[in-house]
Amino acid sequence: MSAPFPKEYAEIADSMGIALYQRFTFNEATLFLRCSKAEIQKLVRQGVLAHIKLPNGQSEFFGYQLLEYVLGSIQASKKSIQAPTNTPDRIIRSKEVQALTGLSRTTLWRMENAGTFPRRVSLGVGSVGWKMSDVQDW
């Protein structure tokens, strides 16, 4: 029988000082997740936070269920983080320019020499790139 969680969870749980099969009451879960009992009940109703139903009608949580929710929240917040719009123009390398334009390296060079494509920027010895805004404007 395999565990209901990835092997990496064991290392994370050890570093946090919890056992994956440790059972948490609602009150303990509120302390672990740092949110109110009402918020946890809402997560359970929405099916976002897995739990176990006891015969007496109470719900409890295994450590791996709480850890799974926390890790899912972290991944979701990482996906929602976007670069600020007022960041300076970034430099993109040849492979990315080729992917964006669909042009080969040789065609880029020819067009650049003909003045029909933005000029490259020297990044050091044998290293070049293009300003992202120039390529997008082109």
C-alpha atoms as a PDB file:
ATOM      1  CA  MET A   1       0.000   0.000   0.000  1.00  0.00           C
ATOM      2  CA  SER A   2       1.465   3.334  -1.006  1.00  0.00           C
ATOM      3  CA  ALA A   3       1.326   6.514   1.038  1.00  0.00           C
ATOM      4  CA  PRO A   4      -1.361   9.061   0.086  1.00  0.00           C
ATOM      5  CA  PHE A   5       1.285  11.765  -0.277  1.00  0.00           C
ATOM      6  CA  PRO A   6       4.579  12.326  -2.152  1.00  0.00           C
ATOM      7  CA  LYS A   7       7.839  11.205  -0.496  1.00  0.00           C
ATOM      8  CA  GLU A   8       9.052  14.831  -0.309  1.00  0.00           C
ATOM      9  CA  TYR A   9       6.356  15.555   2.274  1.00  0.00           C
ATOM     10  CA  ALA A  10       8.255  13.520   4.887  1.00  0.00           C
ATOM     11  CA  GLU A  11      11.278  15.827   4.737  1.00  0.00           C
ATOM     12  CA  ILE A  12       9.112  18.932   4.927  1.00  0.00           C
ATOM     13  CA  ALA A  13       7.086  17.519   7.825  1.00  0.00           C
ATOM     14  CA  ASP A  14      10.271  16.590   9.708  1.00  0.00           C
ATOM     15  CA  SER A  15      11.613  20.111   9.282  1.00  0.00           C
ATOM     16  CA  MET A  16       8.317  21.480  10.655  1.00  0.00           C
ATOM     17  CA  GLY A  17       8.266  19.049  13.569  1.00  0.00           C
ATOM     18  CA  ILE A  18       5.009  17.287  12.672  1.00  0.00           C
ATOM     19  CA  ALA A  19       4.152  13.705  11.831  1.00  0.00           C
ATOM     20  CA  LEU A  20       2.309  13.087   8.583  1.00  0.00           C
ATOM     21  CA  TYR A  21      -0.166  10.720  10.241  1.00  0.00           C
ATOM     22  CA  GLN A  22      -0.589  12.904  13.313  1.00  0.00           C
ATOM     23  CA  ARG A  23      -4.241  13.852  13.804  1.00  0.00           C
ATOM     24  CA  PHE A  24      -5.172  17.489  14.310  1.00  0.00           C
ATOM     25  CA  THR A  25      -8.434  18.769  15.790  1.00  0.00           C
ATOM     26  CA  PHE A  26     -10.113  21.863  14.334  1.00  0.00           C
ATOM     27  CA  ASN A  27      -8.486  24.010  17.036  1.00  0.00           C
ATOM     28  CA  GLU A  28      -5.038  22.565  16.343  1.00  0.00           C
ATOM     29  CA  ALA A  29      -5.561  23.044  12.608  1.00  0.00           C
ATOM     30  CA  THR A  30      -6.402  26.719  13.159  1.00  0.00           C
ATOM     31  CA  LEU A  31      -3.095  27.147  14.956  1.00  0.00           C
ATOM     32  CA  PHE A  32      -1.184  25.227  12.290  1.00  0.00           C
ATOM     33  CA  LEU A  33      -2.756  27.092   9.355  1.00  0.00           C
ATOM     34  CA  ARG A  34      -2.997  30.398  11.231  1.00  0.00           C
ATOM     35  CA  CYS A  35      -6.585  31.054  10.295  1.00  0.00           C
ATOM     36  CA  SER A  36      -9.965  31.048  12.039  1.00  0.00           C
ATOM     37  CA  LYS A  37     -12.190  28.042  12.606  1.00  0.00           C
ATOM     38  CA  ALA A  38     -14.767  29.592  10.252  1.00  0.00           C
ATOM     39  CA  GLU A  39     -12.158  29.816   7.482  1.00  0.00           C
ATOM     40  CA  ILE A  40     -11.212  26.168   7.951  1.00  0.00           C
ATOM     41  CA  GLN A  41     -14.873  25.124   7.883  1.00  0.00           C
ATOM     42  CA  LYS A  42     -15.278  27.077   4.637  1.00  0.00           C
ATOM     43  CA  LEU A  43     -12.227  25.320   3.114  1.00  0.00           C
ATOM     44  CA  VAL A  44     -13.649  21.937   4.141  1.00  0.00           C
ATOM     45  CA  ARG A  45     -17.082  22.744   2.625  1.00  0.00           C
ATOM     46  CA  GLN A  46     -15.411  23.873  -0.619  1.00  0.00           C
ATOM     47  CA  GLY A  47     -13.428  20.631  -0.754  1.00  0.00           C
ATOM     48  CA  VAL A  48     -10.128  22.520  -0.738  1.00  0.00           C
ATOM     49  CA  LEU A  49      -8.938  21.085   2.569  1.00  0.00           C
ATOM     50  CA  ALA A  50      -9.128  17.296   2.955  1.00  0.00           C
ATOM     51  CA  HIS A  51     -10.243  15.913   6.319  1.00  0.00           C
ATOM     52  CA  ILE A  52     -11.454  12.766   8.048  1.00  0.00           C
ATOM     53  CA  LYS A  53     -14.960  12.401   9.471  1.00  0.00           C
ATOM     54  CA  LEU A  54     -15.128  10.713  12.857  1.00  0.00           C
ATOM     55  CA  PRO A  55     -18.103   8.593  14.013  1.00  0.00           C
ATOM     56  CA  ASN A  56     -19.116  11.283  16.525  1.00  0.00           C
ATOM     57  CA  GLY A  57     -19.617  13.785  13.666  1.00  0.00           C
ATOM     58  CA  GLN A  58     -16.388  15.652  14.354  1.00  0.00           C
ATOM     59  CA  SER A  59     -13.766  16.273  11.685  1.00  0.00           C
ATOM     60  CA  GLU A  60     -10.035  15.956  12.112  1.00  0.00           C
ATOM     61  CA  PHE A  61      -7.074  16.394   9.832  1.00  0.00           C
ATOM     62  CA  PHE A  62      -3.983  14.301   9.253  1.00  0.00           C
ATOM     63  CA  GLY A  63      -0.693  16.163   9.149  1.00  0.00           C
ATOM     64  CA  TYR A  64      -0.222  15.319   5.479  1.00  0.00           C
ATOM     65  CA  GLN A  65      -3.632  16.856   4.639  1.00  0.00           C
ATOM     66  CA  LEU A  66      -2.700  20.154   6.279  1.00  0.00           C
ATOM     67  CA  LEU A  67       0.741  20.094   4.696  1.00  0.00           C
ATOM     68  CA  GLU A  68      -0.801  19.396   1.290  1.00  0.00           C
ATOM     69  CA  TYR A  69      -3.064  22.436   1.672  1.00  0.00           C
ATOM     70  CA  VAL A  70      -0.165  24.681   2.754  1.00  0.00           C
ATOM     71  CA  LEU A  71       2.035  23.575  -0.148  1.00  0.00           C
ATOM     72  CA  GLY A  72      -0.854  24.034  -2.591  1.00  0.00           C
ATOM     73  CA  SER A  73      -1.382  27.573  -1.285  1.00  0.00           C
ATOM     74  CA  ILE A  74       2.290  28.390  -1.744  1.00  0.00           C
ATOM     75  CA  GLN A  75       2.289  27.081  -5.318  1.00  0.00           C
ATOM     76  CA  ALA A  76      -0.898  29.000  -6.128  1.00  0.00           C
ATOM     77  CA  SER A  77       0.538  32.233  -4.753  1.00  0.00           C
ATOM     78  CA  LYS A  78       3.747  31.752  -6.744  1.00  0.00           C
ATOM     79  CA  LYS A  79       1.710  31.416  -9.926  1.00  0.00           C
ATOM     80  CA  SER A  80      -0.215  34.595  -9.166  1.00  0.00           C
ATOM     81  CA  ILE A  81       2.916  36.696  -8.633  1.00  0.00           C
ATOM     82  CA  GLN A  82       3.601  38.819 -11.688  1.00  0.00           C
ATOM     83  CA  ALA A  83       6.433  41.144 -12.555  1.00  0.00           C
ATOM     84  CA  PRO A  84       5.609  44.785 -11.897  1.00  0.00           C
ATOM     85  CA  THR A  85       4.679  46.718 -15.011  1.00  0.00           C
ATOM     86  CA  ASN A  86       7.143  49.510 -14.290  1.00  0.00           C
ATOM     87  CA  THR A  87      10.225  47.254 -14.451  1.00  0.00           C
ATOM     88  CA  PRO A  88      13.055  48.290 -16.745  1.00  0.00           C
ATOM     89  CA  ASP A  89      13.240  46.705 -20.177  1.00  0.00           C
ATOM     90  CA  ARG A  90      14.821  43.277 -20.014  1.00  0.00           C
ATOM     91  CA  ILE A  91      17.390  41.841 -22.382  1.00  0.00           C
ATOM     92  CA  ILE A  92      16.491  38.632 -24.176  1.00  0.00           C
ATOM     93  CA  ARG A  93      18.964  36.224 -25.713  1.00  0.00           C
ATOM     94  CA  SER A  94      19.082  34.826 -29.237  1.00  0.00           C
ATOM     95  CA  LYS A  95      17.071  31.656 -28.534  1.00  0.00           C
ATOM     96  CA  GLU A  96      14.192  33.638 -27.048  1.00  0.00           C
ATOM     97  CA  VAL A  97      14.266  36.142 -29.945  1.00  0.00           C
ATOM     98  CA  GLN A  98      14.116  33.229 -32.385  1.00  0.00           C
ATOM     99  CA  ALA A  99      11.189  31.700 -30.488  1.00  0.00           C
ATOM    100  CA  LEU A 100       9.300  35.020 -30.389  1.00  0.00           C
ATOM    101  CA  THR A 101       9.862  35.926 -34.030  1.00  0.00           C
ATOM    102  CA  GLY A 102      10.067  32.530 -35.712  1.00  0.00           C
ATOM    103  CA  LEU A 103      13.216  33.695 -37.526  1.00  0.00           C
ATOM    104  CA  SER A 104      16.549  31.891 -37.711  1.00  0.00           C
ATOM    105  CA  ARG A 105      19.745  33.360 -36.295  1.00  0.00           C
ATOM    106  CA  THR A 106      21.058  34.032 -39.804  1.00  0.00           C
ATOM    107  CA  THR A 107      17.844  35.781 -40.882  1.00  0.00           C
ATOM    108  CA  LEU A 108      17.967  37.948 -37.740  1.00  0.00           C
ATOM    109  CA  TRP A 109      21.553  38.927 -38.572  1.00  0.00           C
ATOM    110  CA  ARG A 110      20.676  39.762 -42.189  1.00  0.00           C
ATOM    111  CA  MET A 111      17.625  41.820 -41.202  1.00  0.00           C
ATOM    112  CA  GLU A 112      19.604  43.625 -38.515  1.00  0.00           C
ATOM    113  CA  ASN A 113      22.313  44.565 -41.072  1.00  0.00           C
ATOM    114  CA  ALA A 114      19.618  45.719 -43.511  1.00  0.00           C
ATOM    115  CA  GLY A 115      18.106  47.919 -40.778  1.00  0.00           C
ATOM    116  CA  THR A 116      14.778  46.078 -40.743  1.00  0.00           C
ATOM    117  CA  PHE A 117      15.244  44.480 -37.303  1.00  0.00           C
ATOM    118  CA  PRO A 118      16.307  46.086 -33.971  1.00  0.00           C
ATOM    119  CA  ARG A 119      20.040  46.276 -33.227  1.00  0.00           C
ATOM    120  CA  ARG A 120      21.543  43.832 -30.766  1.00  0.00           C
ATOM    121  CA  VAL A 121      23.080  44.919 -27.465  1.00  0.00           C
ATOM    122  CA  SER A 122      26.541  43.736 -26.458  1.00  0.00           C
ATOM    123  CA  LEU A 123      26.525  41.971 -23.083  1.00  0.00           C
ATOM    124  CA  GLY A 124      30.210  41.172 -22.966  1.00  0.00           C
ATOM    125  CA  VAL A 125      32.772  39.176 -24.903  1.00  0.00           C
ATOM    126  CA  GLY A 126      30.858  37.030 -27.414  1.00  0.00           C
ATOM    127  CA  SER A 127      27.510  37.633 -25.701  1.00  0.00           C
ATOM    128  CA  VAL A 128      24.628  39.622 -27.173  1.00  0.00           C
ATOM    129  CA  GLY A 129      20.932  40.191 -26.575  1.00  0.00           C
ATOM    130  CA  TRP A 130      18.033  42.363 -27.667  1.00  0.00           C
ATOM    131  CA  LYS A 131      15.762  44.687 -25.730  1.00  0.00           C
ATOM    132  CA  MET A 132      12.448  42.935 -25.256  1.00  0.00           C
ATOM    133  CA  SER A 133      10.471  46.107 -26.016  1.00  0.00           C
ATOM    134  CA  ASP A 134      12.329  46.601 -29.317  1.00  0.00           C
ATOM    135  CA  VAL A 135      11.540  43.039 -30.425  1.00  0.00           C
ATOM    136  CA  GLN A 136       7.894  43.377 -29.358  1.00  0.00           C
ATOM    137  CA  ASP A 137       7.562  46.735 -31.159  1.00  0.00           C
ATOM    138  CA  TRP A 138       9.079  45.215 -34.314  1.00  0.00           C
END
